[in-house]
Amino acid sequence: MGLIRDIFGIGRDGGSLLRDLAAIRKKTRGDRNRLLSEIEFNAALVLDHCLHKGADEKKVIEKLRIECLARLIDEGFDFSAIRKGVVEETMVKDIPVLRRYAGLDLERLLKRIRFHIEQLKLLPDLYDIRTTDRVNARLRLENLGRRYVLLIRFLKA
C-alpha cells in the first residue's frame, strides 16, 4: 500500500485505515451507519482490491456504490451529525490532487467523491478502459483512493 504511505507516512496501510473507519461506523445507527458502511465498502474495494491486489479496474468501477450517499445528499441529510468542521490544510499535506479539499466540510467533500465516482462509472460505457490511452482508469482510481484516505483521516480527526 505504497500510495497510503506516500500520502500519510510510515505505519499506515489500507487495513489500519479500514479498521479506523469500521470503529467509527460501529458507533452509529440508521442512515449514518448505512452511509459509513457504503464508504467502507468502496474504500476497501479501491484501496485493498484495486490498488493493493491489482483487481481489474473495470470490475472495480462497476462495483462502486453510491446509492446511500446519493439518497442522503438528495434528501438534504445533515452531514454535520457525522462530523463537524472542515478539512484542515495540514491534512492534505503537499498532495496536489488533495489541496483543493482543504476547507471543505463533510457534505461538500462527499459531494465531490460522489461526482468522482459518477464520472468513473461512465468510463466503461464510453471507452474500452483496458486498451484506450485516452483515459487512465487506474490513475483515476488512485485519486479516488486518495480521497477516501483523506475522508477517513478527516472522520477520525
Protein backbone atom coordinates (compact mmCIF):
# COMPACT_ATOMS: atom_id res chain seq x y z
CA MET A 1 0.00 0.00 0.00
CA GLY A 2 2.68 2.46 -1.04
CA LEU A 3 0.04 5.01 -2.04
CA ILE A 4 -1.16 5.42 1.55
CA ARG A 5 2.37 5.55 2.94
CA ASP A 6 3.27 8.14 0.30
CA ILE A 7 0.37 10.29 1.45
CA PHE A 8 0.45 9.85 5.22
CA GLY A 9 3.78 8.28 6.11
CA ILE A 10 5.15 5.12 7.67
CA GLY A 11 2.90 2.99 9.83
CA ARG A 12 -0.30 3.44 7.84
CA ASP A 13 -1.79 0.98 5.42
CA GLY A 14 -5.18 0.19 3.96
CA GLY A 15 -6.01 -2.29 6.69
CA SER A 16 -5.43 0.19 9.50
CA LEU A 17 -7.45 2.86 7.72
CA LEU A 18 -10.33 0.45 7.16
CA ARG A 19 -10.18 -0.60 10.82
CA ASP A 20 -10.37 3.07 11.83
CA LEU A 21 -13.43 3.52 9.64
CA ALA A 22 -15.07 0.35 10.99
CA ALA A 23 -14.55 1.60 14.55
CA ILE A 24 -16.25 4.90 13.67
CA ARG A 25 -19.10 3.08 11.90
CA LYS A 26 -19.76 0.76 14.85
CA LYS A 27 -20.71 3.79 16.96
CA THR A 28 -23.51 4.81 14.58
CA ARG A 29 -27.03 3.69 13.67
CA GLY A 30 -29.52 4.28 10.88
CA ASP A 31 -28.59 6.44 7.89
CA ARG A 32 -25.19 7.31 9.34
CA ASN A 33 -24.33 3.64 9.69
CA ARG A 34 -25.53 2.83 6.17
CA LEU A 35 -23.50 5.72 4.73
CA LEU A 36 -20.35 4.73 6.58
CA SER A 37 -20.86 1.10 5.52
CA GLU A 38 -21.05 2.20 1.89
CA ILE A 39 -17.91 4.32 2.32
CA GLU A 40 -16.15 1.38 3.99
CA PHE A 41 -17.16 -0.94 1.13
CA ASN A 42 -15.88 1.47 -1.54
CA ALA A 43 -12.68 2.26 0.34
CA ALA A 44 -11.90 -1.47 0.73
CA LEU A 45 -12.69 -2.05 -2.94
CA VAL A 46 -10.37 0.71 -4.12
CA LEU A 47 -7.58 0.64 -1.53
CA ASP A 48 -7.32 -3.10 -0.99
CA HIS A 49 -8.66 -4.92 -4.03
CA CYS A 50 -7.68 -2.49 -6.77
CA LEU A 51 -4.57 -0.65 -5.62
CA HIS A 52 -3.05 -3.32 -3.38
CA LYS A 53 -4.11 -6.60 -5.03
CA GLY A 54 -4.41 -5.35 -8.61
CA ALA A 55 -8.06 -6.18 -9.33
CA ASP A 56 -9.38 -5.30 -12.78
CA GLU A 57 -10.25 -1.59 -12.97
CA LYS A 58 -13.43 -2.15 -14.97
CA LYS A 59 -14.80 -4.61 -12.43
CA VAL A 60 -13.89 -2.33 -9.52
CA ILE A 61 -15.62 0.63 -11.17
CA GLU A 62 -18.75 -1.45 -11.78
CA LYS A 63 -18.88 -2.50 -8.10
CA LEU A 64 -18.54 1.01 -6.61
CA ARG A 65 -21.67 2.01 -4.68
CA ILE A 66 -23.19 5.45 -4.23
CA GLU A 67 -26.87 4.67 -3.64
CA CYS A 68 -26.94 5.64 0.04
CA LEU A 69 -24.71 8.68 -0.44
CA ALA A 70 -26.77 9.92 -3.39
CA ARG A 71 -30.04 9.44 -1.49
CA LEU A 72 -28.80 11.30 1.58
CA ILE A 73 -27.41 14.19 -0.48
CA ASP A 74 -30.65 14.42 -2.48
CA GLU A 75 -32.76 14.36 0.72
CA GLY A 76 -30.72 17.12 2.36
CA PHE A 77 -29.22 14.96 5.12
CA ASP A 78 -27.35 16.86 7.86
CA PHE A 79 -23.81 15.53 7.43
CA SER A 80 -22.59 17.62 10.36
CA ALA A 81 -24.30 14.98 12.53
CA ILE A 82 -21.45 12.68 11.49
CA ARG A 83 -18.54 15.14 11.58
CA LYS A 84 -18.47 18.88 12.18
CA GLY A 85 -15.69 21.12 10.95
CA VAL A 86 -13.68 21.32 7.77
CA VAL A 87 -10.71 19.55 6.24
CA GLU A 88 -7.62 21.22 7.67
CA GLU A 89 -4.86 22.26 5.33
CA THR A 90 -2.42 20.11 7.31
CA MET A 91 -4.50 17.03 6.38
CA VAL A 92 -3.88 17.46 2.67
CA LYS A 93 -0.12 17.92 3.05
CA ASP A 94 1.52 18.78 -0.27
CA ILE A 95 -0.53 16.36 -2.38
CA PRO A 96 -1.65 18.42 -5.40
CA VAL A 97 -4.79 16.36 -6.06
CA LEU A 98 -5.97 16.93 -2.47
CA ARG A 99 -5.07 20.60 -1.94
CA ARG A 100 -8.42 21.85 -3.19
CA TYR A 101 -10.17 19.81 -0.50
CA ALA A 102 -8.81 22.00 2.33
CA GLY A 103 -11.65 23.99 3.87
CA LEU A 104 -14.42 21.62 2.78
CA ASP A 105 -16.95 20.32 5.26
CA LEU A 106 -18.08 16.69 5.19
CA GLU A 107 -21.05 17.34 2.90
CA ARG A 108 -19.00 19.12 0.25
CA LEU A 109 -16.25 16.50 0.47
CA LEU A 110 -18.79 13.70 -0.03
CA LYS A 111 -20.42 15.55 -2.93
CA ARG A 112 -17.04 15.68 -4.68
CA ILE A 113 -16.46 11.99 -4.03
CA ARG A 114 -19.94 11.24 -5.42
CA PHE A 115 -19.18 13.27 -8.56
CA HIS A 116 -15.85 11.48 -9.00
CA ILE A 117 -17.49 8.05 -8.70
CA GLU A 118 -20.26 9.02 -11.13
CA GLN A 119 -17.61 10.08 -13.65
CA LEU A 120 -15.68 6.83 -13.12
CA LYS A 121 -18.83 4.78 -13.70
CA LEU A 122 -19.21 6.42 -17.14
CA LEU A 123 -15.77 5.29 -18.35
CA PRO A 124 -16.56 1.63 -19.19
CA ASP A 125 -19.54 2.80 -21.29
CA LEU A 126 -17.52 5.42 -23.15
CA TYR A 127 -14.16 3.68 -23.60
CA ASP A 128 -12.57 0.28 -23.62
CA ILE A 129 -10.63 1.12 -20.48
CA ARG A 130 -8.34 -1.90 -20.83
CA THR A 131 -6.90 -0.72 -24.15
CA THR A 132 -7.51 3.02 -24.53
CA ASP A 133 -4.82 5.58 -23.92
CA ARG A 134 -7.42 8.38 -23.76
CA VAL A 135 -8.21 7.82 -20.08
CA ASN A 136 -6.17 6.30 -17.30
CA ALA A 137 -8.70 4.45 -15.16
CA ARG A 138 -6.00 3.23 -12.77
CA LEU A 139 -4.86 6.78 -12.05
CA ARG A 140 -8.45 7.88 -11.52
CA LEU A 141 -8.96 5.02 -9.06
CA GLU A 142 -5.73 6.02 -7.29
CA ASN A 143 -7.10 9.55 -6.97
CA LEU A 144 -10.37 8.16 -5.59
CA GLY A 145 -8.28 6.15 -3.14
CA ARG A 146 -6.53 9.35 -2.06
CA ARG A 147 -9.92 10.96 -1.49
CA TYR A 148 -11.04 8.02 0.64
CA VAL A 149 -7.81 8.16 2.67
CA LEU A 150 -8.43 11.88 3.26
CA LEU A 151 -12.09 11.21 4.15
CA ILE A 152 -11.16 8.54 6.70
CA ARG A 153 -8.49 10.75 8.19
CA PHE A 154 -10.98 13.62 8.42
CA LEU A 155 -13.61 11.43 10.07
CA LYS A 156 -11.07 10.17 12.59
CA ALA A 157 -9.65 13.61 13.47
